[in-house]
């Protein structure tokens, strides 16, 4: 029989025997229980901070740390997790390092901000943590992804990351890419990545050009409609009508002169 009790530092498992035989719960069930407890402790530590946070970060495994980032932490708290993940990099074997880096890449360096309520009619609320989120993403890239890229592991995944970062909604991903390229070191994105990026940029340019052409055509149609309306309100006189108008004007001037002379 297995009894599990929850103490201040996690879940403890004890084994009792019945009729001389030990009955043990599968190891995976105990691992899940311990993982759930560790995740809860880490969340609490991240929420409250203080000395308990450092201990919780050290005790959490890589999976718990990555799960914490998955939940969308505020940038300041995420920084503590990122620093711990990068600090452990030299301690990981290649297989574990590759797994961690793949997770980081699939999450696009955890660059997305936590979910925020819309900021009203003016659009989404500004993200005051944007600069810190960019710094965290660069830290993950330099500490985990760049060594991964140098080993040449999963180039297809690296190629997918670049266009996704470049087109991220708030421009933070584009800033990350520019700063990665600005170091003048091998980026690891490879030819496929750059082709995918510039293919997307070319498509974006075509869309802008087509939108501009449509706008020009609409403006031309509006000008033609306005021109037609103005032409309709103007009176065009034919040659015969011009002579009649001139004769009437001459008669009117003559009558005015007669009245003036008579009055004198």
Protein backbone atom coordinates (compact mmCIF):
# COMPACT_ATOMS: atom_id res chain seq x y z
CA UNK A 1 0.00 0.00 0.00
CA UNK A 2 1.26 3.47 -0.81
CA UNK A 3 0.52 6.52 1.24
CA UNK A 4 1.29 10.00 0.03
CA UNK A 5 1.47 12.89 2.42
CA UNK A 6 2.10 16.47 1.56
CA UNK A 7 4.71 18.26 3.64
CA UNK A 8 6.13 21.75 3.48
CA UNK A 9 8.74 20.81 0.91
CA UNK A 10 6.69 18.68 -1.42
CA UNK A 11 5.09 15.25 -1.60
CA UNK A 12 6.45 12.36 0.40
CA UNK A 13 5.73 8.78 -0.57
CA UNK A 14 5.82 5.88 1.91
CA UNK A 15 5.29 2.19 1.27
CA UNK A 16 3.54 -0.33 3.51
CA UNK A 17 3.30 -4.08 3.03
CA UNK A 18 0.16 -6.19 3.17
CA UNK A 19 0.37 -9.96 3.62
CA UNK A 20 4.11 -9.73 3.19
CA UNK A 21 3.93 -8.20 -0.30
CA UNK A 22 4.81 -4.60 -1.19
CA UNK A 23 2.24 -2.87 -3.40
CA UNK A 24 3.70 0.21 -5.08
CA UNK A 25 1.93 2.79 -7.17
CA UNK A 26 3.44 3.27 -10.66
CA UNK A 27 6.36 5.69 -10.62
CA UNK A 28 4.70 7.95 -13.23
CA UNK A 29 1.79 8.73 -10.89
CA UNK A 30 4.14 9.79 -8.12
CA UNK A 31 6.15 11.88 -10.57
CA UNK A 32 3.01 13.68 -11.69
CA UNK A 33 2.02 14.38 -8.10
CA UNK A 34 5.46 15.73 -7.26
CA UNK A 35 5.44 17.81 -10.46
CA UNK A 36 2.06 19.33 -9.60
CA UNK A 37 3.25 20.18 -6.10
CA UNK A 38 6.48 21.69 -7.41
CA UNK A 39 4.59 23.76 -9.95
CA UNK A 40 2.29 25.09 -7.26
CA UNK A 41 5.23 25.99 -5.02
CA UNK A 42 7.00 27.73 -7.90
CA UNK A 43 3.88 29.74 -8.77
CA UNK A 44 3.52 30.84 -5.17
CA UNK A 45 7.18 31.82 -4.96
CA UNK A 46 6.96 33.79 -8.20
CA UNK A 47 3.87 35.56 -6.93
CA UNK A 48 5.34 36.56 -3.57
CA UNK A 49 9.05 36.87 -4.41
CA UNK A 50 11.51 37.23 -1.58
CA UNK A 51 14.08 34.69 -0.43
CA UNK A 52 11.75 31.76 -1.16
CA UNK A 53 11.89 32.50 -4.88
CA UNK A 54 15.60 31.83 -5.25
CA UNK A 55 15.23 28.47 -3.51
CA UNK A 56 12.16 27.53 -5.57
CA UNK A 57 13.95 28.37 -8.82
CA UNK A 58 16.96 26.24 -7.89
CA UNK A 59 14.79 23.28 -6.93
CA UNK A 60 12.50 23.41 -9.98
CA UNK A 61 13.50 21.29 -12.96
CA UNK A 62 13.69 22.67 -16.50
CA UNK A 63 10.16 21.48 -17.29
CA UNK A 64 8.68 23.45 -14.41
CA UNK A 65 10.60 26.57 -15.38
CA UNK A 66 9.46 26.34 -18.99
CA UNK A 67 5.88 25.71 -17.88
CA UNK A 68 6.04 28.84 -15.73
CA UNK A 69 7.07 30.87 -18.78
CA UNK A 70 4.28 29.23 -20.78
CA UNK A 71 1.74 30.64 -18.35
CA UNK A 72 2.66 34.18 -19.40
CA UNK A 73 4.50 35.80 -16.53
CA UNK A 74 4.99 39.55 -16.19
CA UNK A 75 8.36 40.42 -17.69
CA UNK A 76 10.09 41.11 -14.38
CA UNK A 77 9.17 37.68 -12.98
CA UNK A 78 9.94 36.00 -16.29
CA UNK A 79 13.45 37.44 -16.07
CA UNK A 80 14.15 35.44 -12.92
CA UNK A 81 13.10 32.23 -14.68
CA UNK A 82 15.09 33.08 -17.82
CA UNK A 83 18.24 33.77 -15.78
CA UNK A 84 17.91 30.39 -14.06
CA UNK A 85 17.40 28.54 -17.36
CA UNK A 86 20.46 30.17 -18.89
CA UNK A 87 22.55 29.64 -15.75
CA UNK A 88 22.03 25.89 -16.04
CA UNK A 89 23.10 25.68 -19.68
CA UNK A 90 26.62 24.32 -18.98
CA UNK A 91 25.18 21.61 -16.73
CA UNK A 92 22.89 20.06 -19.35
CA UNK A 93 23.80 17.17 -21.57
CA UNK A 94 23.32 17.62 -25.30
CA UNK A 95 20.01 15.76 -25.47
CA UNK A 96 18.44 17.79 -22.68
CA UNK A 97 19.94 21.02 -24.04
CA UNK A 98 18.41 20.32 -27.45
CA UNK A 99 15.01 19.61 -25.88
CA UNK A 100 15.07 22.85 -23.89
CA UNK A 101 16.15 24.86 -26.93
CA UNK A 102 13.43 23.33 -29.11
CA UNK A 103 10.84 24.32 -26.54
CA UNK A 104 12.20 27.86 -26.40
CA UNK A 105 12.18 28.11 -30.19
CA UNK A 106 8.64 26.77 -30.52
CA UNK A 107 7.54 29.40 -28.00
CA UNK A 108 9.29 32.09 -30.11
CA UNK A 109 11.65 32.94 -27.24
CA UNK A 110 8.65 33.59 -24.98
CA UNK A 111 8.44 37.05 -26.45
CA UNK A 112 4.65 37.37 -26.39
CA UNK A 113 3.33 39.62 -23.62
CA UNK A 114 0.94 38.22 -21.02
CA UNK A 115 -2.73 38.50 -21.94
CA UNK A 116 -4.02 42.00 -21.28
CA UNK A 117 -7.51 43.42 -21.39
CA UNK A 118 -8.10 45.78 -24.33
CA UNK A 119 -7.33 49.39 -23.56
CA UNK A 120 -10.69 50.73 -24.69
CA UNK A 121 -11.65 52.38 -27.95
CA UNK A 122 -8.08 53.47 -28.63
CA UNK A 123 -6.91 49.86 -29.09
CA UNK A 124 -4.84 47.49 -26.95
CA UNK A 125 -3.11 48.86 -23.89
CA UNK A 126 0.57 49.74 -24.31
CA UNK A 127 3.04 47.20 -22.98
CA UNK A 128 5.35 48.89 -20.46
CA UNK A 129 7.46 45.70 -20.22
CA UNK A 130 8.31 45.56 -23.92
CA UNK A 131 11.97 46.47 -23.47
CA UNK A 132 12.39 43.87 -20.73
CA UNK A 133 10.65 41.22 -22.83
CA UNK A 134 13.07 41.91 -25.68
CA UNK A 135 16.00 41.60 -23.29
CA UNK A 136 14.68 38.29 -21.97
CA UNK A 137 14.28 36.94 -25.50
CA UNK A 138 17.83 37.95 -26.38
CA UNK A 139 19.10 36.30 -23.20
CA UNK A 140 17.38 33.05 -24.14
CA UNK A 141 18.76 33.26 -27.66
CA UNK A 142 22.34 33.97 -26.65
CA UNK A 143 22.40 31.52 -23.75
CA UNK A 144 20.42 28.62 -25.21
CA UNK A 145 19.56 28.97 -28.88
CA UNK A 146 22.80 30.21 -30.41
CA UNK A 147 24.83 27.26 -29.07
CA UNK A 148 22.01 25.01 -30.30
CA UNK A 149 22.22 26.62 -33.74
CA UNK A 150 25.99 26.18 -33.87
CA UNK A 151 25.49 22.43 -33.45
CA UNK A 152 23.25 22.53 -36.53
CA UNK A 153 20.33 20.84 -34.81
CA UNK A 154 16.88 21.01 -36.46
CA UNK A 155 17.60 23.72 -39.06
CA UNK A 156 13.97 23.56 -40.23
CA UNK A 157 12.82 24.76 -36.82
CA UNK A 158 15.32 27.60 -36.88
CA UNK A 159 14.04 28.58 -40.33
CA UNK A 160 10.47 28.76 -39.00
CA UNK A 161 11.40 30.99 -36.07
CA UNK A 162 12.81 33.86 -38.11
CA UNK A 163 9.68 34.85 -40.10
CA UNK A 164 7.53 34.39 -37.00
CA UNK A 165 9.66 36.77 -34.98
CA UNK A 166 9.82 39.30 -37.81
CA UNK A 167 6.06 39.49 -38.18
CA UNK A 168 5.22 39.54 -34.44
CA UNK A 169 2.40 41.98 -33.83
CA UNK A 170 4.00 44.69 -31.70
CA UNK A 171 7.38 44.84 -33.47
CA UNK A 172 9.30 43.39 -30.51
CA UNK A 173 10.26 40.32 -32.55
CA UNK A 174 11.64 42.51 -35.32
CA UNK A 175 13.79 44.30 -32.78
CA UNK A 176 15.09 40.96 -31.49
CA UNK A 177 16.01 39.84 -35.03
CA UNK A 178 17.80 43.12 -35.75
CA UNK A 179 19.82 42.86 -32.57
CA UNK A 180 20.71 39.21 -33.22
CA UNK A 181 21.93 40.11 -36.71
CA UNK A 182 23.71 43.18 -35.35
CA UNK A 183 26.12 41.04 -33.32
CA UNK A 184 27.76 39.92 -36.59
CA UNK A 185 27.87 36.33 -35.33
CA UNK A 186 26.38 33.29 -37.00
CA UNK A 187 22.63 33.46 -36.43
CA UNK A 188 21.86 29.82 -37.22
CA UNK A 189 18.73 30.76 -39.18
CA UNK A 190 20.24 29.38 -42.37
CA UNK A 191 19.37 29.94 -46.00
CA UNK A 192 15.86 28.53 -45.60
CA UNK A 193 15.15 30.97 -42.82
CA UNK A 194 16.29 34.00 -44.76
CA UNK A 195 14.43 32.86 -47.88
CA UNK A 196 11.28 32.42 -45.83
CA UNK A 197 11.72 35.86 -44.29
CA UNK A 198 12.35 37.70 -47.53
CA UNK A 199 9.60 35.75 -49.25
CA UNK A 200 7.24 37.09 -46.59
CA UNK A 201 8.63 40.61 -46.95
CA UNK A 202 8.20 40.45 -50.74
CA UNK A 203 4.59 39.32 -50.32
CA UNK A 204 4.00 42.16 -47.87
CA UNK A 205 5.42 44.64 -50.40
CA UNK A 206 3.16 43.27 -53.13
CA UNK A 207 0.15 43.67 -50.85
CA UNK A 208 1.11 47.29 -50.11
CA UNK A 209 1.58 48.01 -53.82
CA UNK A 210 -1.77 46.48 -54.70
CA UNK A 211 -3.47 48.44 -51.91
CA UNK A 212 -1.85 51.66 -53.17
CA UNK A 213 -2.97 50.92 -56.74
CA UNK A 214 -6.54 50.31 -55.56
CA UNK A 215 -6.48 53.59 -53.62
CA UNK A 216 -5.25 55.44 -56.73
CA UNK A 217 -8.04 53.96 -58.83
CA UNK A 218 -10.66 54.97 -56.27
CA UNK A 219 -9.25 58.52 -56.14
CA UNK A 220 -9.33 58.74 -59.94
CA UNK A 221 -12.96 57.62 -60.02
CA UNK A 222 -13.87 60.23 -57.41
CA UNK A 223 -12.12 62.95 -59.44
CA UNK A 224 -13.99 61.91 -62.58
CA UNK A 225 -17.32 61.99 -60.75
CA UNK A 226 -16.58 65.45 -59.35
CA UNK A 227 -15.51 66.64 -62.79
CA UNK A 228 -18.75 65.34 -64.34
CA UNK A 229 -20.85 67.11 -61.73
CA UNK A 230 -19.04 70.41 -62.32
CA UNK A 231 -19.49 70.07 -66.07
CA UNK A 232 -23.23 69.56 -65.58
CA UNK A 233 -23.61 72.80 -63.61
CA UNK A 234 -21.73 74.90 -66.19
CA UNK A 235 -23.70 76.43 -69.16
CA UNK A 236 -21.94 75.97 -72.49
CA UNK A 237 -23.22 78.43 -75.09
CA UNK A 238 -23.28 77.56 -78.76
CA UNK A 239 -22.03 80.11 -81.38
CA UNK A 240 -25.55 81.42 -82.21
CA UNK A 241 -26.33 81.86 -78.56
CA UNK A 242 -23.12 83.83 -78.13
CA UNK A 243 -24.22 86.39 -80.79
CA UNK A 244 -27.64 86.82 -79.18
CA UNK A 245 -26.06 87.39 -75.81
CA UNK A 246 -23.70 89.98 -77.24
CA UNK A 247 -26.58 91.83 -78.98
CA UNK A 248 -28.65 91.92 -75.78
CA UNK A 249 -25.68 93.26 -73.87
CA UNK A 250 -25.18 96.01 -76.50
CA UNK A 251 -28.87 97.03 -76.29
CA UNK A 252 -28.70 97.18 -72.49
CA UNK A 253 -25.65 99.47 -72.63
CA UNK A 254 -27.38 101.70 -75.22
CA UNK A 255 -30.47 102.07 -73.04
CA UNK A 256 -28.34 103.06 -70.07
CA UNK A 257 -26.56 105.72 -72.18
CA UNK A 258 -29.89 107.12 -73.42
CA UNK A 259 -31.20 107.45 -69.86
CA UNK A 260 -28.00 109.19 -68.76
CA UNK A 261 -28.07 111.66 -71.71
CA UNK A 262 -31.77 112.43 -71.12
CA UNK A 263 -31.16 113.13 -67.49
CA UNK A 264 -28.35 115.52 -68.37
